[in-house]
Amino acid sequence: MTFTMWSFGHFIFILSPLVFAFILIYLTKNKTQEEKRKIGLWLSWLAILILVMRNIEIFYKDDFQFDYEIVPLQICHFANFVLLLAFWKNSKPLFAFALLLNLPAAMMSILFANSLENYATILTFRGMAYIFGHLLIVSLAVYAYVTGFVVLNRSIFQKTLKIVAVLYVSSVFINNLFRLVFLQESNFFYTFKPESGTPLEIFFDWGSNLNWGGFMINPIYLVMTAALGFVVMGLVYLLAKYLQDRRALSYKQELVTE
């Protein structure tokens, strides 16, 4: 079973996280926050299990040789652990991180799922991990926001930006480390090159790779990608904050009316 971009199956994939989030929110609407938190936690564990099974399959098919693909430093792989810790610790900063960075990144991976076309079949742990892993990231982030686990303010937004900046810059060095030491072309946070078929390819073509003693970097690509990430996170923050404030105002008005 193969995957084709912009096919009926792809459109089902695009809609699936929103449909699942809606069902999850509806089924848990009468539950307590603690019960909702535990549901989010168990689904986060499920996402981790899917990722682990994917990595075992990759490790097995590579004849038990180390492969950078099993290191969970890619944005969406890392997101599984962010959500797990967020629900486990009921951490507002981590919930904000999942909403502002992981959700749009995972949604972009669903929209531009070109890499799935390279799989001989999606009926593998790796193929299923791509589909259900991204589905869970988006739906759990939406679920956390709608059910009130996410609290947004300027301070949390600034902290989130700082953490993302550190991870982004670190990924440049980590990618070069893997290339020079392990002779593998890792692409964590897509700082080495863009995912094929995504708009990031435009930024990459605007610049060129510079080689400083084996250290590869495309400055224009990095700056433009970082700027786009900042804009996307800013827009998600403004929209989510606006809806959060409206919800809080509506709740206050209901209390006054009562």
Protein backbone atom coordinates (compact mmCIF):
# COMPACT_ATOMS: atom_id res chain seq x y z
CA MET A 1 0.00 0.00 0.00
CA THR A 2 1.64 3.21 -1.19
CA PHE A 3 1.04 6.88 -0.45
CA THR A 4 0.32 9.56 -3.05
CA MET A 5 0.43 13.29 -2.37
CA TRP A 6 -2.89 15.15 -2.69
CA SER A 7 -4.78 11.92 -3.18
CA PHE A 8 -8.02 11.10 -1.38
CA GLY A 9 -6.00 9.24 1.22
CA HIS A 10 -3.81 12.30 1.78
CA PHE A 11 -6.83 14.53 2.36
CA ILE A 12 -8.14 11.99 4.88
CA PHE A 13 -4.73 12.16 6.57
CA ILE A 14 -4.93 15.98 6.70
CA LEU A 15 -8.36 15.95 8.32
CA SER A 16 -7.74 13.00 10.64
CA PRO A 17 -6.02 14.82 13.56
CA LEU A 18 -8.78 17.43 13.76
CA VAL A 19 -11.48 14.76 13.61
CA PHE A 20 -9.72 12.71 16.30
CA ALA A 21 -9.27 15.81 18.49
CA PHE A 22 -12.98 16.64 18.14
CA ILE A 23 -13.98 13.08 19.11
CA LEU A 24 -11.57 13.11 22.05
CA ILE A 25 -12.85 16.46 23.30
CA TYR A 26 -16.48 15.37 22.93
CA LEU A 27 -15.98 12.06 24.74
CA THR A 28 -14.18 13.71 27.66
CA LYS A 29 -16.31 16.84 28.03
CA ASN A 30 -17.91 15.64 31.27
CA LYS A 31 -14.73 14.31 32.83
CA THR A 32 -12.63 16.11 35.45
CA GLN A 33 -9.37 17.85 34.52
CA GLU A 34 -7.44 15.09 36.27
CA GLU A 35 -9.20 12.45 34.20
CA LYS A 36 -8.55 14.44 31.03
CA ARG A 37 -4.90 14.78 32.00
CA LYS A 38 -4.57 11.01 32.46
CA ILE A 39 -6.17 10.37 29.06
CA GLY A 40 -3.68 12.76 27.46
CA LEU A 41 -0.86 11.03 29.35
CA TRP A 42 -1.85 7.55 28.17
CA LEU A 43 -2.18 8.71 24.57
CA SER A 44 1.26 10.32 24.87
CA TRP A 45 2.65 6.98 26.05
CA LEU A 46 1.01 5.40 23.00
CA ALA A 47 2.79 7.90 20.74
CA ILE A 48 6.12 7.03 22.42
CA LEU A 49 5.42 3.31 21.92
CA ILE A 50 4.75 3.90 18.22
CA LEU A 51 8.04 5.80 17.94
CA VAL A 52 9.94 3.02 19.75
CA MET A 53 8.51 0.34 17.45
CA ARG A 54 9.51 2.47 14.46
CA ASN A 55 13.06 2.75 15.76
CA ILE A 56 13.30 -0.98 16.43
CA GLU A 57 12.23 -1.65 12.85
CA ILE A 58 14.85 0.79 11.48
CA PHE A 59 17.55 -0.72 13.72
CA TYR A 60 16.63 -4.24 12.57
CA LYS A 61 16.53 -3.38 8.86
CA ASP A 62 19.92 -1.64 9.16
CA ASP A 63 21.44 -4.90 10.46
CA PHE A 64 21.64 -3.49 13.97
CA GLN A 65 23.88 -0.64 12.88
CA PHE A 66 23.54 2.82 14.38
CA ASP A 67 21.35 5.17 12.36
CA TYR A 68 20.71 8.82 13.24
CA GLU A 69 17.04 8.23 12.40
CA ILE A 70 16.55 6.47 15.74
CA VAL A 71 17.71 9.53 17.70
CA PRO A 72 14.51 11.42 18.68
CA LEU A 73 15.81 14.93 18.04
CA GLN A 74 13.68 15.73 15.00
CA ILE A 75 10.97 18.27 15.82
CA CYS A 76 8.07 15.84 15.64
CA HIS A 77 9.91 12.97 17.34
CA PHE A 78 10.93 15.32 20.14
CA ALA A 79 7.29 16.46 20.35
CA ASN A 80 6.19 13.08 21.69
CA PHE A 81 8.35 13.57 24.78
CA VAL A 82 7.25 17.19 25.16
CA LEU A 83 3.60 16.10 25.29
CA LEU A 84 4.37 13.20 27.61
CA LEU A 85 6.13 15.46 30.11
CA ALA A 86 3.49 18.17 29.71
CA PHE A 87 0.65 15.82 30.68
CA TRP A 88 2.75 14.05 33.31
CA LYS A 89 3.84 17.23 35.11
CA ASN A 90 0.86 19.36 34.01
CA SER A 91 3.50 21.82 32.81
CA LYS A 92 2.10 25.03 31.32
CA PRO A 93 5.38 25.96 29.54
CA LEU A 94 5.58 22.50 27.93
CA PHE A 95 1.93 22.63 26.86
CA ALA A 96 2.64 26.04 25.29
CA PHE A 97 5.73 24.60 23.56
CA ALA A 98 3.64 21.76 22.13
CA LEU A 99 0.98 24.17 20.87
CA LEU A 100 3.26 26.85 19.44
CA LEU A 101 5.98 24.72 17.86
CA ASN A 102 5.07 21.04 17.73
CA LEU A 103 1.51 21.48 16.45
CA PRO A 104 2.34 23.64 13.39
CA ALA A 105 5.46 21.57 12.65
CA ALA A 106 3.49 18.31 12.75
CA MET A 107 0.69 19.84 10.67
CA MET A 108 3.23 20.91 8.05
CA SER A 109 4.58 17.35 8.01
CA ILE A 110 1.05 16.14 7.32
CA LEU A 111 0.44 18.70 4.57
CA PHE A 112 3.84 18.09 2.94
CA ALA A 113 4.11 14.36 3.53
CA ASN A 114 6.32 13.83 0.47
CA SER A 115 8.65 11.45 2.29
CA LEU A 116 5.80 8.93 2.58
CA GLU A 117 5.90 8.57 -1.20
CA ASN A 118 9.40 7.10 -0.87
CA TYR A 119 8.13 4.15 1.18
CA ALA A 120 7.54 0.96 -0.80
CA THR A 121 4.57 0.49 1.51
CA ILE A 122 3.17 2.50 4.39
CA LEU A 123 2.10 -0.73 6.10
CA THR A 124 5.24 -0.80 8.22
CA PHE A 125 6.00 0.49 11.70
CA ARG A 126 7.86 3.39 10.07
CA GLY A 127 4.95 4.26 7.80
CA MET A 128 2.37 3.90 10.55
CA ALA A 129 4.57 5.91 12.93
CA TYR A 130 4.63 8.78 10.45
CA ILE A 131 0.85 8.75 10.06
CA PHE A 132 -0.31 8.07 13.61
CA GLY A 133 2.61 9.86 15.26
CA HIS A 134 1.83 13.17 13.55
CA LEU A 135 -1.91 12.60 14.04
CA LEU A 136 -1.41 12.25 17.80
CA ILE A 137 0.87 15.28 18.08
CA VAL A 138 -1.64 17.60 16.42
CA SER A 139 -4.74 16.14 18.06
CA LEU A 140 -3.21 16.07 21.57
CA ALA A 141 -2.00 19.66 21.26
CA VAL A 142 -5.49 20.76 20.17
CA TYR A 143 -7.07 18.64 22.93
CA ALA A 144 -4.76 20.21 25.56
CA TYR A 145 -5.63 23.71 24.35
CA VAL A 146 -9.40 23.25 24.16
CA THR A 147 -9.60 21.47 27.53
CA GLY A 148 -7.74 24.27 29.28
CA PHE A 149 -4.28 22.79 29.92
CA VAL A 150 -2.58 25.46 27.83
CA VAL A 151 -2.13 28.89 29.41
CA LEU A 152 -0.63 31.57 27.18
CA ASN A 153 0.93 34.87 28.14
CA ARG A 154 3.83 37.00 26.95
CA SER A 155 6.28 35.51 29.45
CA ILE A 156 5.57 31.91 28.41
CA PHE A 157 5.76 32.88 24.73
CA GLN A 158 9.17 34.52 25.23
CA LYS A 159 10.47 31.50 27.16
CA THR A 160 9.23 29.20 24.40
CA LEU A 161 11.02 31.27 21.76
CA LYS A 162 14.27 31.13 23.75
CA ILE A 163 14.07 27.34 24.11
CA VAL A 164 13.31 26.91 20.41
CA ALA A 165 16.23 29.20 19.50
CA VAL A 166 18.63 27.14 21.63
CA LEU A 167 17.39 23.88 20.11
CA TYR A 168 17.55 25.33 16.59
CA VAL A 169 21.14 26.55 16.91
CA SER A 170 22.19 23.35 18.68
CA SER A 171 20.80 21.26 15.84
CA VAL A 172 23.23 22.94 13.41
CA PHE A 173 26.17 21.67 15.45
CA ILE A 174 24.59 18.26 16.09
CA ASN A 175 23.95 17.73 12.37
CA ASN A 176 27.56 18.57 11.58
CA LEU A 177 28.74 16.27 14.36
CA PHE A 178 26.80 13.35 12.89
CA ARG A 179 28.15 14.12 9.43
CA LEU A 180 31.78 14.39 10.51
CA VAL A 181 31.92 11.70 13.19
CA PHE A 182 29.30 9.14 12.17
CA LEU A 183 29.40 9.95 8.42
CA GLN A 184 25.60 10.26 8.39
CA GLU A 185 23.63 13.18 6.97
CA SER A 186 21.28 13.94 9.85
CA ASN A 187 18.82 16.79 9.45
CA PHE A 188 17.42 17.59 12.88
CA PHE A 189 15.15 20.64 12.89
CA TYR A 190 15.76 20.72 9.10
CA THR A 191 18.79 22.96 9.63
CA PHE A 192 21.01 21.05 7.20
CA LYS A 193 18.62 21.01 4.25
CA PRO A 194 14.88 21.33 3.57
CA GLU A 195 12.47 18.44 3.40
CA SER A 196 11.84 17.67 -0.26
CA GLY A 197 8.65 19.19 -1.64
CA THR A 198 8.27 21.83 1.09
CA PRO A 199 8.43 25.64 0.75
CA LEU A 200 11.74 25.55 2.65
CA GLU A 201 13.40 24.50 -0.61
CA ILE A 202 12.97 28.09 -1.82
CA PHE A 203 15.03 29.44 1.09
CA PHE A 204 17.71 26.80 0.51
CA ASP A 205 18.04 27.78 -3.15
CA TRP A 206 18.43 31.45 -2.20
CA GLY A 207 21.63 30.65 -0.35
CA SER A 208 24.50 28.21 -0.72
CA ASN A 209 26.38 25.83 1.54
CA LEU A 210 29.57 27.16 3.09
CA ASN A 211 32.25 24.71 4.16
CA TRP A 212 34.54 25.73 7.01
CA GLY A 213 36.90 22.85 7.62
CA GLY A 214 34.12 20.34 7.11
CA PHE A 215 31.52 22.37 9.00
CA MET A 216 28.63 22.87 6.55
CA ILE A 217 26.17 25.71 6.87
CA ASN A 218 23.77 27.63 4.62
CA PRO A 219 23.38 31.00 6.44
CA ILE A 220 20.59 32.45 4.29
CA TYR A 221 18.58 29.24 4.55
CA LEU A 222 19.01 29.15 8.33
CA VAL A 223 18.03 32.79 8.82
CA MET A 224 15.00 32.60 6.54
CA THR A 225 13.81 29.30 8.05
CA ALA A 226 14.19 30.73 11.56
CA ALA A 227 12.26 33.85 10.52
CA LEU A 228 9.44 31.75 9.06
CA GLY A 229 9.32 29.67 12.24
CA PHE A 230 9.10 32.83 14.33
CA VAL A 231 6.24 34.18 12.20
CA VAL A 232 4.31 30.90 12.35
CA MET A 233 4.76 30.59 16.12
CA GLY A 234 3.78 34.24 16.54
CA LEU A 235 0.61 33.80 14.52
CA VAL A 236 -0.38 30.65 16.41
CA TYR A 237 0.26 32.47 19.69
CA LEU A 238 -1.82 35.52 18.72
CA LEU A 239 -4.75 33.41 17.52
CA ALA A 240 -4.66 31.05 20.51
CA LYS A 241 -4.23 33.94 22.97
CA TYR A 242 -7.16 35.81 21.40
CA LEU A 243 -9.41 32.75 21.67
CA GLN A 244 -8.19 32.10 25.21
CA ASP A 245 -9.01 35.66 26.28
CA ARG A 246 -12.43 35.51 24.65
CA ARG A 247 -13.17 32.24 26.42
CA ALA A 248 -12.11 33.73 29.76
CA LEU A 249 -14.25 36.84 29.18
CA SER A 250 -17.26 34.73 28.24
CA TYR A 251 -16.82 32.67 31.40
CA LYS A 252 -16.71 35.82 33.56
CA GLN A 253 -19.83 37.16 31.92
CA GLU A 254 -21.65 33.90 32.65
CA LEU A 255 -20.66 34.15 36.31
CA VAL A 256 -21.94 37.72 36.50
CA THR A 257 -25.21 36.71 34.84
CA GLU A 258 -25.72 33.91 37.30
